[in-house]
Amino acid sequence: MTSFIGTKLGRYAIIGLQRGDLILESIEKVLKESGIRNAIVTSGIAATSHMHWHHIGVTDEKPDDWMFETDGPMEVGGIGGLVLDGIPHLHCSFADHQRAWVGHLEKGCEVAYVGEITLIELLDADVKRIANAYGVNEIHRMA
């Protein structure tokens, strides 16, 4: 286990998404334009027409991610995660009229009507993701 306790929060971003906007790509654009390198995603909701995600397919020693895509009217009930060194690692939960899904948010998720994402910058987060022996990126203290 790795833990880090920080005390300094910085700017916050409120991202309003409209029809046709791509969720992850929009977040990445805001991060790049603002220069925010480390942040916590505090909220994420959206009405979408296309979702693209992955989740683990096995629990073997070496991971195997399964990719999924679906179209149709969906509601995203939550997006959360961390941005470390400018790279977002976000998970989401969403549903259509019959099923619900949870997984790692991928590029290509399209807003149907509206979306809202909020994040808060972490000014003293002295952590970074480093791949372990199995190729899985883990959080490590830099100090």
Protein backbone atom coordinates (compact mmCIF):
# COMPACT_ATOMS: atom_id res chain seq x y z
CA MET A 1 0.00 0.00 0.00
CA THR A 2 1.08 3.55 -0.72
CA SER A 3 -0.45 6.62 0.84
CA PHE A 4 0.19 10.32 0.61
CA ILE A 5 -1.35 13.08 2.69
CA GLY A 6 -1.37 16.50 1.07
CA THR A 7 -2.47 19.86 2.37
CA LYS A 8 -2.45 22.21 -0.60
CA LEU A 9 -5.34 22.50 -3.02
CA GLY A 10 -5.15 24.79 -6.00
CA ARG A 11 -7.49 25.84 -8.75
CA TYR A 12 -10.68 24.06 -9.59
CA ALA A 13 -12.20 23.43 -13.00
CA ILE A 14 -15.85 23.20 -13.90
CA ILE A 15 -16.22 21.67 -17.35
CA GLY A 16 -19.57 22.05 -19.09
CA LEU A 17 -20.10 19.66 -21.98
CA GLN A 18 -22.62 20.06 -24.77
CA ARG A 19 -24.04 17.81 -27.48
CA GLY A 20 -21.28 16.11 -29.46
CA ASP A 21 -18.49 16.84 -26.98
CA LEU A 22 -16.22 13.93 -26.08
CA ILE A 23 -15.82 13.46 -22.32
CA LEU A 24 -12.24 12.29 -21.84
CA GLU A 25 -10.88 14.36 -24.70
CA SER A 26 -12.52 17.49 -23.22
CA ILE A 27 -11.01 16.80 -19.80
CA GLU A 28 -7.57 16.31 -21.38
CA LYS A 29 -7.93 19.59 -23.28
CA VAL A 30 -8.77 21.53 -20.10
CA LEU A 31 -5.83 19.92 -18.28
CA LYS A 32 -3.43 20.83 -21.07
CA GLU A 33 -4.70 24.39 -21.55
CA SER A 34 -4.71 25.13 -17.81
CA GLY A 35 -1.42 23.40 -17.04
CA ILE A 36 -3.02 21.33 -14.28
CA ARG A 37 -0.76 18.31 -13.71
CA ASN A 38 -2.34 16.68 -10.63
CA ALA A 39 -5.99 16.73 -9.66
CA ILE A 40 -8.84 14.80 -8.15
CA VAL A 41 -12.04 14.49 -10.17
CA THR A 42 -14.77 15.38 -7.71
CA SER A 43 -17.85 14.88 -9.86
CA GLY A 44 -18.84 13.73 -13.33
CA ILE A 45 -22.29 13.33 -14.83
CA ALA A 46 -23.61 13.28 -18.38
CA ALA A 47 -26.33 12.20 -20.77
CA THR A 48 -24.54 10.32 -23.55
CA SER A 49 -25.18 8.72 -26.92
CA HIS A 50 -22.00 6.62 -27.12
CA MET A 51 -19.82 5.08 -24.42
CA HIS A 52 -16.42 3.41 -24.72
CA TRP A 53 -14.85 1.72 -21.68
CA HIS A 54 -12.82 -1.23 -20.48
CA HIS A 55 -12.59 -3.37 -17.40
CA ILE A 56 -10.52 -6.33 -16.32
CA GLY A 57 -11.37 -9.56 -18.05
CA VAL A 58 -9.44 -11.93 -15.80
CA THR A 59 -7.93 -12.01 -12.33
CA ASP A 60 -4.79 -13.85 -13.37
CA GLU A 61 -1.36 -12.58 -12.38
CA LYS A 62 -1.08 -10.67 -15.67
CA PRO A 63 -4.08 -8.44 -16.42
CA ASP A 64 -6.19 -8.61 -19.55
CA ASP A 65 -8.46 -5.65 -20.28
CA TRP A 66 -11.69 -6.17 -22.18
CA MET A 67 -12.87 -3.26 -24.33
CA PHE A 68 -16.55 -2.36 -24.78
CA GLU A 69 -18.62 0.19 -26.70
CA THR A 70 -22.34 0.84 -26.81
CA ASP A 71 -24.69 3.33 -28.46
CA GLY A 72 -28.03 4.71 -27.38
CA PRO A 73 -29.43 6.95 -24.68
CA MET A 74 -27.42 6.56 -21.46
CA GLU A 75 -27.02 8.39 -18.20
CA VAL A 76 -23.61 8.65 -16.59
CA GLY A 77 -24.16 8.61 -12.83
CA GLY A 78 -20.57 9.13 -11.84
CA ILE A 79 -17.05 9.75 -13.09
CA GLY A 80 -14.21 9.75 -10.61
CA GLY A 81 -10.50 9.29 -10.40
CA LEU A 82 -7.14 11.01 -10.33
CA VAL A 83 -5.02 13.01 -12.70
CA LEU A 84 -1.33 12.40 -12.03
CA ASP A 85 1.43 13.97 -14.11
CA GLY A 86 -1.23 15.24 -16.52
CA ILE A 87 -2.70 11.80 -17.22
CA PRO A 88 -6.29 11.11 -16.13
CA HIS A 89 -7.19 7.67 -14.78
CA LEU A 90 -10.97 7.78 -14.61
CA HIS A 91 -13.70 5.26 -13.94
CA CYS A 92 -17.39 5.70 -14.64
CA SER A 93 -20.75 4.16 -13.92
CA PHE A 94 -23.57 4.52 -16.43
CA ALA A 95 -26.77 2.86 -17.58
CA ASP A 96 -29.27 2.65 -20.41
CA HIS A 97 -32.92 1.68 -19.93
CA GLN A 98 -32.10 -1.95 -19.15
CA ARG A 99 -28.49 -2.38 -18.00
CA ALA A 100 -25.79 -0.71 -15.98
CA TRP A 101 -22.03 -0.75 -16.54
CA VAL A 102 -18.92 0.28 -14.64
CA GLY A 103 -15.43 0.59 -16.02
CA HIS A 104 -12.42 2.61 -17.05
CA LEU A 105 -13.42 5.59 -19.20
CA GLU A 106 -11.94 5.50 -22.71
CA LYS A 107 -11.80 8.08 -25.49
CA GLY A 108 -14.86 8.40 -27.71
CA CYS A 109 -17.61 8.83 -25.10
CA GLU A 110 -20.00 11.31 -26.70
CA VAL A 111 -22.37 13.65 -24.90
CA ALA A 112 -25.97 13.55 -26.14
CA TYR A 113 -27.25 16.64 -24.36
CA VAL A 114 -25.22 17.83 -21.39
CA GLY A 115 -22.33 16.83 -19.14
CA GLU A 116 -20.62 18.36 -16.13
CA ILE A 117 -17.19 17.47 -14.77
CA THR A 118 -15.46 19.10 -11.81
CA LEU A 119 -11.91 18.71 -10.61
CA ILE A 120 -9.63 20.25 -7.99
CA GLU A 121 -5.91 20.73 -8.49
CA LEU A 122 -3.54 19.04 -6.04
CA LEU A 123 -0.55 21.33 -5.55
CA ASP A 124 1.63 19.15 -3.34
CA ALA A 125 0.85 15.65 -4.65
CA ASP A 126 4.31 14.13 -4.71
CA VAL A 127 3.15 10.90 -6.36
CA LYS A 128 3.42 9.33 -9.77
CA ARG A 129 2.13 6.21 -11.53
CA ILE A 130 4.81 3.62 -12.29
CA ALA A 131 4.21 0.27 -13.99
CA ASN A 132 4.74 -2.76 -11.76
CA ALA A 133 6.12 -6.15 -12.86
CA TYR A 134 2.72 -7.02 -14.39
CA GLY A 135 2.45 -3.82 -16.40
CA VAL A 136 -0.13 -2.24 -14.10
CA ASN A 137 0.41 1.43 -13.26
CA GLU A 138 0.54 1.93 -9.50
CA ILE A 139 0.82 5.05 -7.38
CA HIS A 140 4.29 5.62 -5.88
CA ARG A 141 5.65 8.35 -3.65
CA MET A 142 8.32 10.40 -5.36
CA ALA A 143 10.17 11.53 -2.23
